[in-house]
C-alpha atoms as a PDB file:
ATOM      1  CA  UNK A   1       0.004   0.444   0.045  1.00  0.00           C
ATOM      2  CA  UNK A   2       0.564   3.546  -1.126  1.00  0.00           C
ATOM      3  CA  UNK A   3       1.911   5.787   2.628  1.00  0.00           C
ATOM      4  CA  UNK A   4       0.503   9.260   1.869  1.00  0.00           C
ATOM      5  CA  UNK A   5       2.586  12.107   0.363  1.00  0.00           C
ATOM      6  CA  UNK A   6       1.946  15.525   0.930  1.00  0.00           C
ATOM      7  CA  UNK A   7       2.084  17.763  -1.123  1.00  0.00           C
ATOM      8  CA  UNK A   8       1.403  21.947  -0.990  1.00  0.00           C
ATOM      9  CA  UNK A   9       2.015  24.739  -3.709  1.00  0.00           C
ATOM     10  CA  UNK A  10       2.753  28.249  -2.988  1.00  0.00           C
ATOM     11  CA  UNK A  11       3.466  31.576  -4.772  1.00  0.00           C
ATOM     12  CA  UNK A  12       5.904  33.625  -3.598  1.00  0.00           C
ATOM     13  CA  UNK A  13       6.390  37.888  -4.632  1.00  0.00           C
ATOM     14  CA  UNK A  14      10.508  36.973  -5.192  1.00  0.00           C
ATOM     15  CA  UNK A  15      13.868  35.561  -6.062  1.00  0.00           C
ATOM     16  CA  UNK A  16      14.936  32.647  -5.590  1.00  0.00           C
ATOM     17  CA  UNK A  17      17.692  33.855  -4.355  1.00  0.00           C
ATOM     18  CA  UNK A  18      15.667  35.510  -1.566  1.00  0.00           C
ATOM     19  CA  UNK A  19      13.654  31.531  -0.860  1.00  0.00           C
ATOM     20  CA  UNK A  20      16.669  29.974  -1.359  1.00  0.00           C
ATOM     21  CA  UNK A  21      18.338  32.553   2.075  1.00  0.00           C
ATOM     22  CA  UNK A  22      14.474  32.286   3.618  1.00  0.00           C
ATOM     23  CA  UNK A  23      14.868  27.922   4.137  1.00  0.00           C
ATOM     24  CA  UNK A  24      18.320  27.747   4.756  1.00  0.00           C
ATOM     25  CA  UNK A  25      19.625  30.722   6.690  1.00  0.00           C
ATOM     26  CA  UNK A  26      18.550  28.909  10.200  1.00  0.00           C
ATOM     27  CA  UNK A  27      18.571  33.269  11.509  1.00  0.00           C
ATOM     28  CA  UNK A  28      15.776  33.359   8.951  1.00  0.00           C
ATOM     29  CA  UNK A  29      14.186  30.433   9.552  1.00  0.00           C
ATOM     30  CA  UNK A  30      13.006  30.760  13.519  1.00  0.00           C
ATOM     31  CA  UNK A  31      11.449  34.364  11.782  1.00  0.00           C
ATOM     32  CA  UNK A  32       8.772  32.059  10.564  1.00  0.00           C
ATOM     33  CA  UNK A  33       9.544  28.643  11.286  1.00  0.00           C
ATOM     34  CA  UNK A  34       8.081  29.346  14.561  1.00  0.00           C
ATOM     35  CA  UNK A  35      11.326  29.954  15.983  1.00  0.00           C
ATOM     36  CA  UNK A  36      12.663  26.824  14.969  1.00  0.00           C
ATOM     37  CA  UNK A  37      16.597  27.488  14.053  1.00  0.00           C
ATOM     38  CA  UNK A  38      17.639  24.874  10.708  1.00  0.00           C
ATOM     39  CA  UNK A  39      21.249  24.129  11.339  1.00  0.00           C
ATOM     40  CA  UNK A  40      23.135  22.238   8.207  1.00  0.00           C
ATOM     41  CA  UNK A  41      26.105  22.653   5.247  1.00  0.00           C
ATOM     42  CA  UNK A  42      23.181  21.640   2.954  1.00  0.00           C
ATOM     43  CA  UNK A  43      26.363  19.291   1.424  1.00  0.00           C
ATOM     44  CA  UNK A  44      24.570  15.781   0.764  1.00  0.00           C
ATOM     45  CA  UNK A  45      24.271  13.045   3.382  1.00  0.00           C
ATOM     46  CA  UNK A  46      24.579  15.994   6.012  1.00  0.00           C
ATOM     47  CA  UNK A  47      22.877  16.476   9.402  1.00  0.00           C
ATOM     48  CA  UNK A  48      19.845  18.371   8.831  1.00  0.00           C
ATOM     49  CA  UNK A  49      18.748  20.229  12.245  1.00  0.00           C
ATOM     50  CA  UNK A  50      16.005  22.148  12.962  1.00  0.00           C
ATOM     51  CA  UNK A  51      16.264  24.354  17.303  1.00  0.00           C
ATOM     52  CA  UNK A  52      14.321  26.059  19.286  1.00  0.00           C
ATOM     53  CA  UNK A  53      16.737  29.203  20.467  1.00  0.00           C
ATOM     54  CA  UNK A  54      17.419  27.104  24.241  1.00  0.00           C
ATOM     55  CA  UNK A  55      19.129  24.334  22.632  1.00  0.00           C
ATOM     56  CA  UNK A  56      16.688  21.704  21.696  1.00  0.00           C
ATOM     57  CA  UNK A  57      15.940  19.989  18.908  1.00  0.00           C
ATOM     58  CA  UNK A  58      12.320  19.482  17.459  1.00  0.00           C
ATOM     59  CA  UNK A  59      13.283  17.755  14.371  1.00  0.00           C
ATOM     60  CA  UNK A  60      16.174  16.414  12.155  1.00  0.00           C
ATOM     61  CA  UNK A  61      17.414  14.726   9.196  1.00  0.00           C
ATOM     62  CA  UNK A  62      20.583  14.002   6.512  1.00  0.00           C
ATOM     63  CA  UNK A  63      20.160  15.776   3.222  1.00  0.00           C
ATOM     64  CA  UNK A  64      19.142  13.868   0.245  1.00  0.00           C
ATOM     65  CA  UNK A  65      20.049  16.817  -2.267  1.00  0.00           C
ATOM     66  CA  UNK A  66      20.809  19.747  -2.618  1.00  0.00           C
ATOM     67  CA  UNK A  67      21.050  22.008  -5.664  1.00  0.00           C
ATOM     68  CA  UNK A  68      20.969  25.453  -4.511  1.00  0.00           C
ATOM     69  CA  UNK A  69      18.731  27.868  -6.343  1.00  0.00           C
ATOM     70  CA  UNK A  70      16.593  25.003  -7.006  1.00  0.00           C
ATOM     71  CA  UNK A  71      16.205  22.164  -4.966  1.00  0.00           C
ATOM     72  CA  UNK A  72      16.858  20.918  -0.767  1.00  0.00           C
ATOM     73  CA  UNK A  73      15.759  17.100  -0.240  1.00  0.00           C
ATOM     74  CA  UNK A  74      15.836  15.570   3.688  1.00  0.00           C
ATOM     75  CA  UNK A  75      14.355  13.251   5.103  1.00  0.00           C
ATOM     76  CA  UNK A  76      12.755  13.945   8.644  1.00  0.00           C
ATOM     77  CA  UNK A  77      12.788  12.988  11.962  1.00  0.00           C
ATOM     78  CA  UNK A  78      10.657  14.106  14.268  1.00  0.00           C
ATOM     79  CA  UNK A  79      11.832  15.088  17.860  1.00  0.00           C
ATOM     80  CA  UNK A  80       9.894  12.653  20.493  1.00  0.00           C
ATOM     81  CA  UNK A  81       7.893  10.205  17.952  1.00  0.00           C
ATOM     82  CA  UNK A  82       7.895   6.967  18.611  1.00  0.00           C
ATOM     83  CA  UNK A  83       5.530   5.874  15.647  1.00  0.00           C
ATOM     84  CA  UNK A  84       7.320   2.297  14.416  1.00  0.00           C
ATOM     85  CA  UNK A  85       8.548   2.821  10.940  1.00  0.00           C
ATOM     86  CA  UNK A  86      10.162   1.332   8.251  1.00  0.00           C
ATOM     87  CA  UNK A  87      12.728   4.874   6.864  1.00  0.00           C
ATOM     88  CA  UNK A  88      11.839   8.157   8.206  1.00  0.00           C
ATOM     89  CA  UNK A  89      10.131  10.707   5.876  1.00  0.00           C
ATOM     90  CA  UNK A  90      11.161  12.308   3.602  1.00  0.00           C
ATOM     91  CA  UNK A  91      11.056  17.070   2.840  1.00  0.00           C
ATOM     92  CA  UNK A  92      11.550  18.423  -0.693  1.00  0.00           C
ATOM     93  CA  UNK A  93      11.317  22.480  -0.937  1.00  0.00           C
ATOM     94  CA  UNK A  94      11.677  22.624  -5.095  1.00  0.00           C
ATOM     95  CA  UNK A  95      11.586  26.082  -6.401  1.00  0.00           C
ATOM     96  CA  UNK A  96      10.685  27.262  -9.942  1.00  0.00           C
ATOM     97  CA  UNK A  97      11.108  30.680 -11.493  1.00  0.00           C
ATOM     98  CA  UNK A  98       7.851  31.922 -12.264  1.00  0.00           C
ATOM     99  CA  UNK A  99       9.288  35.271 -13.400  1.00  0.00           C
ATOM    100  CA  UNK A 100      11.787  37.854 -12.158  1.00  0.00           C
ATOM    101  CA  UNK A 101       9.586  38.530  -9.304  1.00  0.00           C
ATOM    102  CA  UNK A 102       7.912  35.257  -8.527  1.00  0.00           C
ATOM    103  CA  UNK A 103       9.221  31.849  -7.813  1.00  0.00           C
ATOM    104  CA  UNK A 104       6.293  29.118  -7.032  1.00  0.00           C
ATOM    105  CA  UNK A 105       7.757  27.878  -4.015  1.00  0.00           C
ATOM    106  CA  UNK A 106       6.635  23.473  -3.828  1.00  0.00           C
ATOM    107  CA  UNK A 107       6.814  21.230  -0.317  1.00  0.00           C
ATOM    108  CA  UNK A 108       6.541  17.793  -0.633  1.00  0.00           C
ATOM    109  CA  UNK A 109       6.288  15.453   2.435  1.00  0.00           C
ATOM    110  CA  UNK A 110       6.085  11.718   1.423  1.00  0.00           C
ATOM    111  CA  UNK A 111       6.975   7.820   3.291  1.00  0.00           C
ATOM    112  CA  UNK A 112       4.588   9.886   5.389  1.00  0.00           C
ATOM    113  CA  UNK A 113       1.471   7.178   7.634  1.00  0.00           C
ATOM    114  CA  UNK A 114      -2.163   8.653   8.407  1.00  0.00           C
ATOM    115  CA  UNK A 115      -0.802   9.731  11.727  1.00  0.00           C
ATOM    116  CA  UNK A 116       1.374  12.232  11.573  1.00  0.00           C
ATOM    117  CA  UNK A 117      -1.698  14.070   9.931  1.00  0.00           C
ATOM    118  CA  UNK A 118      -2.945  14.329  13.173  1.00  0.00           C
ATOM    119  CA  UNK A 119      -0.725  15.287  17.048  1.00  0.00           C
ATOM    120  CA  UNK A 120      -2.961  13.841  20.096  1.00  0.00           C
ATOM    121  CA  UNK A 121      -5.901  15.454  20.253  1.00  0.00           C
ATOM    122  CA  UNK A 122      -4.916  18.435  18.433  1.00  0.00           C
ATOM    123  CA  UNK A 123      -5.225  17.845  14.960  1.00  0.00           C
ATOM    124  CA  UNK A 124      -3.945  20.747  13.362  1.00  0.00           C
ATOM    125  CA  UNK A 125      -0.381  20.391  14.881  1.00  0.00           C
ATOM    126  CA  UNK A 126      -0.889  17.818  12.240  1.00  0.00           C
ATOM    127  CA  UNK A 127       0.608  17.832   8.952  1.00  0.00           C
ATOM    128  CA  UNK A 128      -2.246  19.123   6.970  1.00  0.00           C
ATOM    129  CA  UNK A 129      -1.915  22.005   9.171  1.00  0.00           C
ATOM    130  CA  UNK A 130       1.249  23.174   9.741  1.00  0.00           C
ATOM    131  CA  UNK A 131       3.326  23.009   7.347  1.00  0.00           C
ATOM    132  CA  UNK A 132       0.601  25.065   5.871  1.00  0.00           C
ATOM    133  CA  UNK A 133       0.663  27.312   8.695  1.00  0.00           C
ATOM    134  CA  UNK A 134       4.931  28.149   8.016  1.00  0.00           C
ATOM    135  CA  UNK A 135       4.599  28.740   4.460  1.00  0.00           C
ATOM    136  CA  UNK A 136       2.514  31.209   4.656  1.00  0.00           C
ATOM    137  CA  UNK A 137       4.555  33.437   7.619  1.00  0.00           C
ATOM    138  CA  UNK A 138       6.819  32.964   4.690  1.00  0.00           C
ATOM    139  CA  UNK A 139       5.141  33.946   2.581  1.00  0.00           C
ATOM    140  CA  UNK A 140       3.655  37.034   4.629  1.00  0.00           C
ATOM    141  CA  UNK A 141       7.632  37.356   6.127  1.00  0.00           C
ATOM    142  CA  UNK A 142       8.953  37.551   2.753  1.00  0.00           C
ATOM    143  CA  UNK A 143       6.324  39.978   1.043  1.00  0.00           C
ATOM    144  CA  UNK A 144       5.927  42.422   3.573  1.00  0.00           C
ATOM    145  CA  UNK A 145       8.585  41.957   6.051  1.00  0.00           C
ATOM    146  CA  UNK A 146       5.793  40.823   9.296  1.00  0.00           C
ATOM    147  CA  UNK A 147       4.903  37.167  10.047  1.00  0.00           C
ATOM    148  CA  UNK A 148       1.068  35.805  10.842  1.00  0.00           C
ATOM    149  CA  UNK A 149      -0.024  37.379  13.930  1.00  0.00           C
ATOM    150  CA  UNK A 150       0.148  35.516  16.969  1.00  0.00           C
ATOM    151  CA  UNK A 151      -2.163  33.647  17.698  1.00  0.00           C
ATOM    152  CA  UNK A 152      -1.176  31.435  14.944  1.00  0.00           C
ATOM    153  CA  UNK A 153       1.635  30.463  16.356  1.00  0.00           C
ATOM    154  CA  UNK A 154       0.125  29.757  19.206  1.00  0.00           C
ATOM    155  CA  UNK A 155      -2.013  27.369  17.455  1.00  0.00           C
ATOM    156  CA  UNK A 156       0.625  25.577  15.910  1.00  0.00           C
ATOM    157  CA  UNK A 157       3.076  25.885  18.649  1.00  0.00           C
END
């Protein structure tokens, strides 16, 4: 049986360079990824971690493929997730310039389990809501210089 895949395309008024920096710069990710700072060399096989300000790791994996300004793919493990899995899930960010000022960003999260879409008793924290909240926050930050109101942050964390 094929495992579920989550795909979320979003169009952002920015350049591939600015979007790539937003995806790979720890100082940038903590602004829109609800306080999580990405850390990696982004070389194939390198570790990827998302860290909270206090140093706790929320998510981690290994780089599978990195083509600057085009594609970033890595395995995804959530700290504390004890769900039995054959393999970790996989996250891919694909950037596609639409014109000189718009980029289509497609997030694909693969090799999921049905339980990945629900987090305890709070379905909002599941993948189907977590990624859209993060990506809409990213879009807002790149386009306006501001993230979404804190009410959305509280619902995801």
